[in-house]
C-alpha atoms as a PDB file:
ATOM      1  CA  MET A   1      26.814  19.191   8.752  1.00  0.00           C
ATOM      2  CA  ALA A   2      23.824  17.604  10.449  1.00  0.00           C
ATOM      3  CA  SER A   3      20.347  18.235   8.626  1.00  0.00           C
ATOM      4  CA  LYS A   4      18.459  20.899  10.624  1.00  0.00           C
ATOM      5  CA  THR A   5      14.935  19.597  11.908  1.00  0.00           C
ATOM      6  CA  PRO A   6      11.951  21.357  11.225  1.00  0.00           C
ATOM      7  CA  THR A   7      10.206  23.168  14.050  1.00  0.00           C
ATOM      8  CA  ILE A   8       7.608  24.566  12.685  1.00  0.00           C
ATOM      9  CA  SER A   9       4.718  22.484  10.385  1.00  0.00           C
ATOM     10  CA  ASP A  10       5.284  22.567   6.805  1.00  0.00           C
ATOM     11  CA  PRO A  11       1.868  21.310   4.950  1.00  0.00           C
ATOM     12  CA  ARG A  12       2.921  21.276   1.869  1.00  0.00           C
ATOM     13  CA  VAL A  13       2.076  18.147  -0.554  1.00  0.00           C
ATOM     14  CA  SER A  14       3.399  17.100  -3.631  1.00  0.00           C
ATOM     15  CA  LEU A  15       1.661  14.879  -6.131  1.00  0.00           C
ATOM     16  CA  PRO A  16       2.042  13.783  -9.762  1.00  0.00           C
ATOM     17  CA  GLY A  17       2.700  16.879 -11.782  1.00  0.00           C
ATOM     18  CA  LEU A  18       1.687  19.012  -9.020  1.00  0.00           C
ATOM     19  CA  ASP A  19       3.317  20.851  -6.014  1.00  0.00           C
ATOM     20  CA  LEU A  20       0.736  22.338  -3.432  1.00  0.00           C
ATOM     21  CA  LYS A  21       1.188  24.611  -1.059  1.00  0.00           C
ATOM     22  CA  ASN A  22      -0.999  23.140   1.489  1.00  0.00           C
ATOM     23  CA  PRO A  23      -3.735  19.596   1.029  1.00  0.00           C
ATOM     24  CA  ILE A  24      -6.886  21.648   0.913  1.00  0.00           C
ATOM     25  CA  MET A  25      -8.498  21.141  -2.456  1.00  0.00           C
ATOM     26  CA  THR A  26     -12.125  22.590  -3.015  1.00  0.00           C
ATOM     27  CA  ALA A  27     -15.051  19.983  -4.202  1.00  0.00           C
ATOM     28  CA  SER A  28     -16.583  19.703  -7.467  1.00  0.00           C
ATOM     29  CA  GLY A  29     -19.787  21.187  -7.674  1.00  0.00           C
ATOM     30  CA  THR A  30     -19.835  23.259  -4.175  1.00  0.00           C
ATOM     31  CA  PHE A  31     -17.578  26.201  -4.845  1.00  0.00           C
ATOM     32  CA  GLY A  32     -18.981  27.213  -8.613  1.00  0.00           C
ATOM     33  CA  TYR A  33     -16.272  28.654 -10.606  1.00  0.00           C
ATOM     34  CA  GLY A  34     -13.999  29.861  -7.067  1.00  0.00           C
ATOM     35  CA  LEU A  35     -14.720  33.571  -8.091  1.00  0.00           C
ATOM     36  CA  GLU A  36     -18.011  33.466  -6.110  1.00  0.00           C
ATOM     37  CA  TYR A  37     -16.054  32.892  -2.885  1.00  0.00           C
ATOM     38  CA  ALA A  38     -13.470  35.200  -3.495  1.00  0.00           C
ATOM     39  CA  SER A  39     -14.821  37.492  -1.112  1.00  0.00           C
ATOM     40  CA  PHE A  40     -14.802  34.877   2.020  1.00  0.00           C
ATOM     41  CA  GLY A  41     -10.523  34.486   1.989  1.00  0.00           C
ATOM     42  CA  LYS A  42      -8.064  34.085  -0.855  1.00  0.00           C
ATOM     43  CA  LEU A  43      -7.696  32.301  -3.449  1.00  0.00           C
ATOM     44  CA  GLU A  44      -4.300  32.512  -3.327  1.00  0.00           C
ATOM     45  CA  ASP A  45      -4.133  30.547  -0.410  1.00  0.00           C
ATOM     46  CA  LEU A  46      -5.820  27.458  -1.170  1.00  0.00           C
ATOM     47  CA  GLY A  47      -3.836  24.117  -2.516  1.00  0.00           C
ATOM     48  CA  ALA A  48      -5.881  23.962  -5.534  1.00  0.00           C
ATOM     49  CA  ILE A  49      -9.223  24.966  -6.826  1.00  0.00           C
ATOM     50  CA  VAL A  50     -11.277  22.250  -7.922  1.00  0.00           C
ATOM     51  CA  VAL A  51     -14.296  24.237  -9.972  1.00  0.00           C
ATOM     52  CA  LYS A  52     -17.497  22.681 -11.087  1.00  0.00           C
ATOM     53  CA  GLY A  53     -18.449  20.183 -13.654  1.00  0.00           C
ATOM     54  CA  LEU A  54     -18.308  20.738 -16.967  1.00  0.00           C
ATOM     55  CA  SER A  55     -19.490  19.467 -20.269  1.00  0.00           C
ATOM     56  CA  LEU A  56     -18.731  20.527 -23.613  1.00  0.00           C
ATOM     57  CA  LYS A  57     -21.452  22.354 -24.267  1.00  0.00           C
ATOM     58  CA  PRO A  58     -23.752  24.248 -21.693  1.00  0.00           C
ATOM     59  CA  ARG A  59     -26.138  22.651 -20.013  1.00  0.00           C
ATOM     60  CA  ALA A  60     -29.269  23.664 -18.068  1.00  0.00           C
ATOM     61  CA  GLY A  61     -29.431  21.459 -15.273  1.00  0.00           C
ATOM     62  CA  ASN A  62     -32.265  19.386 -13.379  1.00  0.00           C
ATOM     63  CA  THR A  63     -35.606  21.051 -12.493  1.00  0.00           C
ATOM     64  CA  MET A  64     -36.396  22.489  -9.451  1.00  0.00           C
ATOM     65  CA  PRO A  65     -36.868  21.106  -6.507  1.00  0.00           C
ATOM     66  CA  ARG A  66     -33.100  19.768  -6.874  1.00  0.00           C
ATOM     67  CA  ILE A  67     -31.860  20.601  -3.590  1.00  0.00           C
ATOM     68  CA  ALA A  68     -32.573  19.213   0.238  1.00  0.00           C
ATOM     69  CA  GLU A  69     -31.557  19.600   3.492  1.00  0.00           C
ATOM     70  CA  THR A  70     -31.162  16.471   5.658  1.00  0.00           C
ATOM     71  CA  PRO A  71     -29.837  15.533   8.908  1.00  0.00           C
ATOM     72  CA  CYS A  72     -26.281  16.314   8.538  1.00  0.00           C
ATOM     73  CA  GLY A  73     -26.141  16.522   5.015  1.00  0.00           C
ATOM     74  CA  MET A  74     -27.767  17.619   1.718  1.00  0.00           C
ATOM     75  CA  LEU A  75     -28.977  16.013  -0.891  1.00  0.00           C
ATOM     76  CA  ASN A  76     -28.401  17.321  -4.277  1.00  0.00           C
ATOM     77  CA  ALA A  77     -29.933  16.722  -7.935  1.00  0.00           C
ATOM     78  CA  ILE A  78     -28.412  19.515  -9.887  1.00  0.00           C
ATOM     79  CA  GLY A  79     -28.042  17.771 -13.045  1.00  0.00           C
ATOM     80  CA  LEU A  80     -24.505  19.200 -14.083  1.00  0.00           C
ATOM     81  CA  GLN A  81     -25.558  22.660 -14.419  1.00  0.00           C
ATOM     82  CA  ASN A  82     -22.823  23.898 -15.889  1.00  0.00           C
ATOM     83  CA  ILE A  83     -21.390  27.467 -18.737  1.00  0.00           C
ATOM     84  CA  GLY A  84     -19.370  24.786 -20.944  1.00  0.00           C
ATOM     85  CA  VAL A  85     -15.988  24.455 -21.605  1.00  0.00           C
ATOM     86  CA  GLU A  86     -15.867  27.419 -24.126  1.00  0.00           C
ATOM     87  CA  ARG A  87     -17.182  29.748 -21.496  1.00  0.00           C
ATOM     88  CA  PHE A  88     -15.394  28.850 -18.872  1.00  0.00           C
ATOM     89  CA  LEU A  89     -11.835  29.175 -20.585  1.00  0.00           C
ATOM     90  CA  GLU A  90     -12.686  32.636 -22.368  1.00  0.00           C
ATOM     91  CA  GLU A  91     -14.529  33.900 -18.842  1.00  0.00           C
ATOM     92  CA  LYS A  92     -14.155  32.068 -15.968  1.00  0.00           C
ATOM     93  CA  LEU A  93     -10.338  30.635 -16.057  1.00  0.00           C
ATOM     94  CA  PRO A  94      -8.093  34.151 -16.526  1.00  0.00           C
ATOM     95  CA  ALA A  95      -9.793  35.402 -13.428  1.00  0.00           C
ATOM     96  CA  LEU A  96      -8.080  32.972 -11.335  1.00  0.00           C
ATOM     97  CA  PRO A  97      -5.228  32.240  -9.697  1.00  0.00           C
ATOM     98  CA  HIS A  98      -3.730  29.702 -11.561  1.00  0.00           C
ATOM     99  CA  ASP A  99      -0.565  31.128 -11.829  1.00  0.00           C
ATOM    100  CA  THR A 100       0.059  30.027  -7.977  1.00  0.00           C
ATOM    101  CA  THR A 101      -2.810  27.699  -7.457  1.00  0.00           C
ATOM    102  CA  PRO A 102      -3.563  24.981  -9.396  1.00  0.00           C
ATOM    103  CA  VAL A 103      -6.861  24.783 -11.325  1.00  0.00           C
ATOM    104  CA  ILE A 104      -8.431  21.456 -11.240  1.00  0.00           C
ATOM    105  CA  ALA A 105     -11.634  20.918 -14.302  1.00  0.00           C
ATOM    106  CA  ASN A 106     -13.702  18.314 -13.209  1.00  0.00           C
ATOM    107  CA  LEU A 107     -15.312  16.997 -16.464  1.00  0.00           C
ATOM    108  CA  TYR A 108     -18.073  14.613 -17.153  1.00  0.00           C
ATOM    109  CA  ALA A 109     -19.384  13.058 -20.916  1.00  0.00           C
ATOM    110  CA  CYS A 110     -21.743  11.013 -21.751  1.00  0.00           C
ATOM    111  CA  ASP A 111     -19.610   8.843 -23.650  1.00  0.00           C
ATOM    112  CA  ALA A 112     -15.783   7.963 -24.240  1.00  0.00           C
ATOM    113  CA  ALA A 113     -15.118   9.092 -27.024  1.00  0.00           C
ATOM    114  CA  GLU A 114     -16.668  13.015 -25.524  1.00  0.00           C
ATOM    115  CA  PHE A 115     -14.641  12.632 -22.682  1.00  0.00           C
ATOM    116  CA  GLY A 116     -11.761  12.662 -24.626  1.00  0.00           C
ATOM    117  CA  GLU A 117     -12.521  15.284 -26.455  1.00  0.00           C
ATOM    118  CA  LEU A 118     -13.184  17.773 -23.331  1.00  0.00           C
ATOM    119  CA  ALA A 119     -10.256  16.350 -21.893  1.00  0.00           C
ATOM    120  CA  ALA A 120      -8.271  17.812 -24.944  1.00  0.00           C
ATOM    121  CA  ALA A 121      -9.837  20.953 -25.005  1.00  0.00           C
ATOM    122  CA  LEU A 122      -9.293  21.624 -21.443  1.00  0.00           C
ATOM    123  CA  ALA A 123      -5.401  20.171 -21.722  1.00  0.00           C
ATOM    124  CA  ALA A 124      -4.830  22.338 -24.643  1.00  0.00           C
ATOM    125  CA  ASP A 125      -4.882  25.532 -22.244  1.00  0.00           C
ATOM    126  CA  GLU A 126      -1.903  25.603 -20.096  1.00  0.00           C
ATOM    127  CA  ARG A 127      -3.192  27.517 -17.404  1.00  0.00           C
ATOM    128  CA  MET A 128      -5.221  24.289 -16.241  1.00  0.00           C
ATOM    129  CA  GLY A 129      -3.762  22.379 -13.380  1.00  0.00           C
ATOM    130  CA  ALA A 130      -5.007  19.000 -13.569  1.00  0.00           C
ATOM    131  CA  LEU A 131      -8.356  17.270 -14.884  1.00  0.00           C
ATOM    132  CA  GLU A 132     -10.716  15.422 -12.528  1.00  0.00           C
ATOM    133  CA  VAL A 133     -12.928  12.716 -13.994  1.00  0.00           C
ATOM    134  CA  ASN A 134     -16.251  12.361 -12.754  1.00  0.00           C
ATOM    135  CA  VAL A 135     -17.498   8.906 -13.946  1.00  0.00           C
ATOM    136  CA  SER A 136     -20.644   9.133 -11.989  1.00  0.00           C
ATOM    137  CA  CYS A 137     -22.676  10.064 -14.807  1.00  0.00           C
ATOM    138  CA  PRO A 138     -24.450   7.309 -16.973  1.00  0.00           C
ATOM    139  CA  ASN A 139     -22.596   6.284 -19.987  1.00  0.00           C
ATOM    140  CA  VAL A 140     -25.949   6.836 -22.356  1.00  0.00           C
ATOM    141  CA  ALA A 141     -23.917   4.441 -25.028  1.00  0.00           C
ATOM    142  CA  ALA A 142     -24.669   1.334 -21.960  1.00  0.00           C
ATOM    143  CA  GLY A 143     -28.185   1.915 -21.679  1.00  0.00           C
ATOM    144  CA  GLY A 144     -27.528   4.784 -18.541  1.00  0.00           C
ATOM    145  CA  GLN A 145     -25.387   3.210 -16.015  1.00  0.00           C
ATOM    146  CA  ALA A 146     -22.762   5.059 -14.752  1.00  0.00           C
ATOM    147  CA  PHE A 147     -18.951   4.670 -15.692  1.00  0.00           C
ATOM    148  CA  GLY A 148     -18.044   4.535 -12.180  1.00  0.00           C
ATOM    149  CA  GLN A 149     -20.391   1.419 -11.709  1.00  0.00           C
ATOM    150  CA  ASP A 150     -18.232  -1.257 -13.989  1.00  0.00           C
ATOM    151  CA  PRO A 151     -14.457  -1.138 -13.964  1.00  0.00           C
ATOM    152  CA  LYS A 152     -13.999  -1.532 -17.344  1.00  0.00           C
ATOM    153  CA  GLN A 153     -16.118   1.413 -18.295  1.00  0.00           C
ATOM    154  CA  ALA A 154     -14.440   3.273 -15.787  1.00  0.00           C
ATOM    155  CA  ALA A 155     -11.144   2.282 -17.094  1.00  0.00           C
ATOM    156  CA  ALA A 156     -12.147   2.706 -20.906  1.00  0.00           C
ATOM    157  CA  VAL A 157     -12.901   6.337 -19.440  1.00  0.00           C
ATOM    158  CA  THR A 158      -9.281   7.083 -17.958  1.00  0.00           C
ATOM    159  CA  ARG A 159      -7.789   5.863 -21.201  1.00  0.00           C
ATOM    160  CA  ALA A 160      -9.607   8.480 -23.450  1.00  0.00           C
ATOM    161  CA  VAL A 161      -8.471  10.985 -20.792  1.00  0.00           C
ATOM    162  CA  LYS A 162      -5.243   9.871 -20.339  1.00  0.00           C
ATOM    163  CA  ASP A 163      -4.510   9.924 -24.433  1.00  0.00           C
ATOM    164  CA  ALA A 164      -6.152  13.393 -24.816  1.00  0.00           C
ATOM    165  CA  ALA A 165      -4.975  15.166 -21.701  1.00  0.00           C
ATOM    166  CA  GLY A 166      -0.875  15.237 -22.550  1.00  0.00           C
ATOM    167  CA  ASP A 167       1.424  16.132 -19.780  1.00  0.00           C
ATOM    168  CA  LYS A 168      -1.969  17.690 -17.336  1.00  0.00           C
ATOM    169  CA  PRO A 169      -2.059  15.080 -14.345  1.00  0.00           C
ATOM    170  CA  VAL A 170      -5.612  13.076 -14.480  1.00  0.00           C
ATOM    171  CA  MET A 171      -7.198  12.156 -11.411  1.00  0.00           C
ATOM    172  CA  VAL A 172     -10.788  10.032 -11.302  1.00  0.00           C
ATOM    173  CA  LYS A 173     -13.844  10.756  -9.075  1.00  0.00           C
ATOM    174  CA  LEU A 174     -14.465   7.087  -7.762  1.00  0.00           C
ATOM    175  CA  SER A 175     -18.161   6.832  -7.012  1.00  0.00           C
ATOM    176  CA  PRO A 176     -19.192   4.584  -3.214  1.00  0.00           C
ATOM    177  CA  ASN A 177     -22.469   3.583  -4.921  1.00  0.00           C
ATOM    178  CA  VAL A 178     -20.755   0.255  -5.853  1.00  0.00           C
ATOM    179  CA  ALA A 179     -20.432  -3.084  -4.348  1.00  0.00           C
ATOM    180  CA  ASP A 180     -16.865  -3.320  -4.018  1.00  0.00           C
ATOM    181  CA  ILE A 181     -14.651   0.046  -4.704  1.00  0.00           C
ATOM    182  CA  THR A 182     -11.602  -1.349  -4.328  1.00  0.00           C
ATOM    183  CA  THR A 183     -12.303  -3.170  -7.878  1.00  0.00           C
ATOM    184  CA  VAL A 184     -12.979  -0.163  -9.375  1.00  0.00           C
ATOM    185  CA  ALA A 185     -10.282   1.739  -8.424  1.00  0.00           C
ATOM    186  CA  LYS A 186      -7.663  -1.133  -9.330  1.00  0.00           C
ATOM    187  CA  ALA A 187      -9.280  -0.915 -12.785  1.00  0.00           C
ATOM    188  CA  VAL A 188      -8.831   3.450 -13.246  1.00  0.00           C
ATOM    189  CA  ALA A 189      -5.150   2.906 -11.414  1.00  0.00           C
ATOM    190  CA  ASP A 190      -4.460   0.078 -14.330  1.00  0.00           C
ATOM    191  CA  ALA A 191      -5.890   2.207 -17.044  1.00  0.00           C
ATOM    192  CA  GLY A 192      -2.987   4.707 -16.140  1.00  0.00           C
ATOM    193  CA  ALA A 193      -5.014   7.424 -13.431  1.00  0.00           C
ATOM    194  CA  ASP A 194      -2.023   9.546 -11.456  1.00  0.00           C
ATOM    195  CA  MET A 195      -4.488   9.986  -8.640  1.00  0.00           C
ATOM    196  CA  LEU A 196      -8.198   9.161  -7.623  1.00  0.00           C
ATOM    197  CA  THR A 197     -10.639  11.447  -5.528  1.00  0.00           C
ATOM    198  CA  CYS A 198     -12.162   9.439  -3.309  1.00  0.00           C
ATOM    199  CA  ILE A 199     -15.847   9.829  -3.025  1.00  0.00           C
ATOM    200  CA  ASN A 200     -18.672  11.106  -4.720  1.00  0.00           C
ATOM    201  CA  THR A 201     -21.794  11.455  -2.979  1.00  0.00           C
ATOM    202  CA  LEU A 202     -24.403   8.966  -2.130  1.00  0.00           C
ATOM    203  CA  LEU A 203     -27.406   7.715  -3.710  1.00  0.00           C
ATOM    204  CA  GLY A 204     -30.300   8.905  -1.392  1.00  0.00           C
ATOM    205  CA  MET A 205     -34.038  10.297  -0.927  1.00  0.00           C
ATOM    206  CA  ALA A 206     -36.309  12.514   0.853  1.00  0.00           C
ATOM    207  CA  VAL A 207     -39.722  12.789   1.278  1.00  0.00           C
ATOM    208  CA  ASP A 208     -42.803  15.264   2.257  1.00  0.00           C
ATOM    209  CA  LEU A 209     -45.417  13.342   4.093  1.00  0.00           C
ATOM    210  CA  LYS A 210     -47.307  16.456   4.033  1.00  0.00           C
ATOM    211  CA  THR A 211     -47.242  16.547  -0.264  1.00  0.00           C
ATOM    212  CA  ARG A 212     -46.427  12.687  -0.409  1.00  0.00           C
ATOM    213  CA  ARG A 213     -44.283  13.768  -2.694  1.00  0.00           C
ATOM    214  CA  PRO A 214     -40.178  13.126  -3.327  1.00  0.00           C
ATOM    215  CA  ARG A 215     -38.467  16.495  -2.005  1.00  0.00           C
ATOM    216  CA  LEU A 216     -35.914  16.400  -4.871  1.00  0.00           C
ATOM    217  CA  ALA A 217     -37.972  16.487  -8.223  1.00  0.00           C
ATOM    218  CA  ASN A 218     -35.256  13.857  -9.794  1.00  0.00           C
ATOM    219  CA  VAL A 219     -36.284  11.788  -6.657  1.00  0.00           C
ATOM    220  CA  VAL A 220     -33.134  10.425  -5.500  1.00  0.00           C
ATOM    221  CA  GLY A 221     -29.977  12.803  -5.653  1.00  0.00           C
ATOM    222  CA  GLY A 222     -26.601  12.475  -3.802  1.00  0.00           C
ATOM    223  CA  LEU A 223     -26.074  13.007  -0.042  1.00  0.00           C
ATOM    224  CA  SER A 224     -23.088  14.540   1.320  1.00  0.00           C
ATOM    225  CA  GLY A 225     -21.987  16.559   4.215  1.00  0.00           C
ATOM    226  CA  PRO A 226     -20.914  15.375   7.531  1.00  0.00           C
ATOM    227  CA  ALA A 227     -23.639  11.878   7.085  1.00  0.00           C
ATOM    228  CA  ILE A 228     -21.115  10.415   5.035  1.00  0.00           C
ATOM    229  CA  LYS A 229     -17.261  11.342   6.410  1.00  0.00           C
ATOM    230  CA  PRO A 230     -17.382   7.538   8.195  1.00  0.00           C
ATOM    231  CA  VAL A 231     -18.150   6.537   4.551  1.00  0.00           C
ATOM    232  CA  ALA A 232     -15.416   8.614   3.324  1.00  0.00           C
ATOM    233  CA  LEU A 233     -13.230   7.559   5.735  1.00  0.00           C
ATOM    234  CA  ARG A 234     -13.969   4.143   5.174  1.00  0.00           C
ATOM    235  CA  CYS A 235     -13.418   4.091   0.798  1.00  0.00           C
ATOM    236  CA  VAL A 236      -9.855   6.437   1.664  1.00  0.00           C
ATOM    237  CA  TRP A 237      -8.909   3.315   3.902  1.00  0.00           C
ATOM    238  CA  GLN A 238      -9.900   0.616   1.400  1.00  0.00           C
ATOM    239  CA  VAL A 239      -8.514   2.010  -1.818  1.00  0.00           C
ATOM    240  CA  CYS A 240      -5.004   3.045  -0.194  1.00  0.00           C
ATOM    241  CA  GLN A 241      -4.538  -0.469   1.052  1.00  0.00           C
ATOM    242  CA  ALA A 242      -5.481  -1.088  -2.484  1.00  0.00           C
ATOM    243  CA  VAL A 243      -3.363   0.827  -5.253  1.00  0.00           C
ATOM    244  CA  ASP A 244      -0.218   2.798  -5.427  1.00  0.00           C
ATOM    245  CA  ILE A 245      -1.565   6.086  -6.775  1.00  0.00           C
ATOM    246  CA  PRO A 246      -2.208   9.499  -4.657  1.00  0.00           C
ATOM    247  CA  VAL A 247      -5.691   9.837  -3.069  1.00  0.00           C
ATOM    248  CA  ILE A 248      -7.522  12.533  -2.586  1.00  0.00           C
ATOM    249  CA  GLY A 249      -9.982  12.287   0.370  1.00  0.00           C
ATOM    250  CA  VAL A 250     -13.521  13.930   0.133  1.00  0.00           C
ATOM    251  CA  GLY A 251     -16.546  13.926   1.927  1.00  0.00           C
ATOM    252  CA  GLY A 252     -18.021  15.565   5.073  1.00  0.00           C
ATOM    253  CA  ILE A 253     -14.920  17.163   6.031  1.00  0.00           C
ATOM    254  CA  SER A 254     -15.893  20.156   8.166  1.00  0.00           C
ATOM    255  CA  ASN A 255     -12.500  21.248   9.933  1.00  0.00           C
ATOM    256  CA  ALA A 256      -8.946  20.597  10.156  1.00  0.00           C
ATOM    257  CA  THR A 257      -9.096  17.452  12.422  1.00  0.00           C
ATOM    258  CA  ASP A 258     -11.225  16.093   9.869  1.00  0.00           C
ATOM    259  CA  VAL A 259      -8.562  16.749   7.464  1.00  0.00           C
ATOM    260  CA  LEU A 260      -5.647  14.889   9.258  1.00  0.00           C
ATOM    261  CA  GLU A 261      -7.907  12.067  10.157  1.00  0.00           C
ATOM    262  CA  PHE A 262      -7.760  11.456   6.682  1.00  0.00           C
ATOM    263  CA  ILE A 263      -4.213  11.691   5.816  1.00  0.00           C
ATOM    264  CA  LEU A 264      -4.245   9.406   8.667  1.00  0.00           C
ATOM    265  CA  ALA A 265      -6.167   6.841   6.872  1.00  0.00           C
ATOM    266  CA  GLY A 266      -3.533   7.606   3.632  1.00  0.00           C
ATOM    267  CA  ALA A 267      -5.016  10.606   1.614  1.00  0.00           C
ATOM    268  CA  HIS A 268      -2.528  12.899   0.555  1.00  0.00           C
ATOM    269  CA  ALA A 269      -5.050  15.827  -0.127  1.00  0.00           C
ATOM    270  CA  VAL A 270      -8.287  16.281   0.962  1.00  0.00           C
ATOM    271  CA  GLN A 271     -11.068  18.507  -0.780  1.00  0.00           C
ATOM    272  CA  ILE A 272     -13.704  20.630   1.210  1.00  0.00           C
ATOM    273  CA  GLY A 273     -17.472  20.188  -0.284  1.00  0.00           C
ATOM    274  CA  THR A 274     -20.638  20.815   1.556  1.00  0.00           C
ATOM    275  CA  ALA A 275     -19.177  22.889   4.728  1.00  0.00           C
ATOM    276  CA  ASN A 276     -18.760  25.799   1.910  1.00  0.00           C
ATOM    277  CA  PHE A 277     -22.793  26.201   1.902  1.00  0.00           C
ATOM    278  CA  MET A 278     -23.154  25.666   5.667  1.00  0.00           C
ATOM    279  CA  ARG A 279     -20.550  28.510   5.991  1.00  0.00           C
ATOM    280  CA  PRO A 280     -18.953  30.097   3.112  1.00  0.00           C
ATOM    281  CA  ASP A 281     -15.294  30.586   4.902  1.00  0.00           C
ATOM    282  CA  THR A 282     -14.734  27.539   6.036  1.00  0.00           C
ATOM    283  CA  VAL A 283     -11.860  26.590   3.328  1.00  0.00           C
ATOM    284  CA  PHE A 284     -10.173  29.474   3.953  1.00  0.00           C
ATOM    285  CA  SER A 285      -9.983  28.732   8.018  1.00  0.00           C
ATOM    286  CA  ILE A 286      -9.146  25.073   7.693  1.00  0.00           C
ATOM    287  CA  VAL A 287      -6.046  26.242   5.500  1.00  0.00           C
ATOM    288  CA  ASN A 288      -5.490  28.405   8.574  1.00  0.00           C
ATOM    289  CA  GLU A 289      -6.171  26.326  11.163  1.00  0.00           C
ATOM    290  CA  LEU A 290      -4.108  23.465   9.524  1.00  0.00           C
ATOM    291  CA  PRO A 291      -0.281  23.883  10.840  1.00  0.00           C
ATOM    292  CA  ILE A 292      -1.657  25.171  13.900  1.00  0.00           C
ATOM    293  CA  LEU A 293      -3.472  21.894  14.548  1.00  0.00           C
ATOM    294  CA  MET A 294      -0.129  19.721  12.917  1.00  0.00           C
ATOM    295  CA  ASN A 295       2.199  21.240  15.314  1.00  0.00           C
ATOM    296  CA  GLY A 296      -0.108  20.675  18.462  1.00  0.00           C
ATOM    297  CA  TYR A 297       0.128  16.601  17.376  1.00  0.00           C
ATOM    298  CA  GLY A 298       4.015  17.013  16.939  1.00  0.00           C
ATOM    299  CA  VAL A 299       3.321  16.930  12.679  1.00  0.00           C
ATOM    300  CA  MET A 300       6.013  18.308  11.059  1.00  0.00           C
ATOM    301  CA  THR A 301       5.009  17.363   7.366  1.00  0.00           C
ATOM    302  CA  LEU A 302       2.045  15.156   6.309  1.00  0.00           C
ATOM    303  CA  ASP A 303       4.484  12.404   4.656  1.00  0.00           C
ATOM    304  CA  ASP A 304       4.759  11.436   8.970  1.00  0.00           C
ATOM    305  CA  LEU A 305       1.417  11.119   9.295  1.00  0.00           C
ATOM    306  CA  ARG A 306       0.110   9.563   6.186  1.00  0.00           C
ATOM    307  CA  GLY A 307      -1.290   5.762   6.577  1.00  0.00           C
ATOM    308  CA  THR A 308      -0.113   5.490   9.843  1.00  0.00           C
ATOM    309  CA  LEU A 309      -3.265   4.676  10.829  1.00  0.00           C
ATOM    310  CA  GLU A 310      -3.015   1.440  12.921  1.00  0.00           C
ATOM    311  CA  THR A 311      -5.494  -1.620  12.361  1.00  0.00           C
END
């Protein structure tokens, strides 16, 4: 019997250790612990929920003001405020739909050993779907340079997390604040990363002419939102040419068209971030719009479109 050709677009995505009903994830740091957005849509409809960055111990974050709006984007210097891994596992994770939607923990630490300890604590919980490693934080043991700006340090952190993660998939979130993102991507992939998230925020600053002071107490912060989409697309495309592991695109995505553009550039899935601040139901709307748009372009599965960009 001849196989049937699908007539309705299918947005499902298969990733290492994760089968997603669609490619739409939330971006860490923009969706709280997930529950804050439950009144704007069904969390169960999302491909995956990436929660805000977690550390071993609770962290208060930076001094305010730590958010500033910019044309087509937002600057933040939150300072990774969070409740710590213990309270997350006890209070937040049980209330998330982990049975139907993978929950991905974003984690950060100040040295490779601490990354390993944190990864072990999260991976030991069977409700966790995967771990996402933030290598944009400073390595205090190496004088404060961000892990992600040095391929060797990024690889060391990846190995530490992989060794502690057991069978949990590990994705590493790359920083665009480097001369060549593909060098770090290759180092991290060689160190055992299962997937890459591409990209984190771009360093920027805003100033107030009246007060003659920076708008952020931290002076500099991370730029996100539509302003960085061209940079994110470029990074995703370059990284997809350089490594053979799945890439999750993030940066300025605010509608289903943006999603398909990132898939065209080679991404397997995407994360929605700052757009959720502008319209809290954005991520849910994109989930609904995506199969309709796929049908409109005659795209039956995302595999049909992925990486087909002609250059």
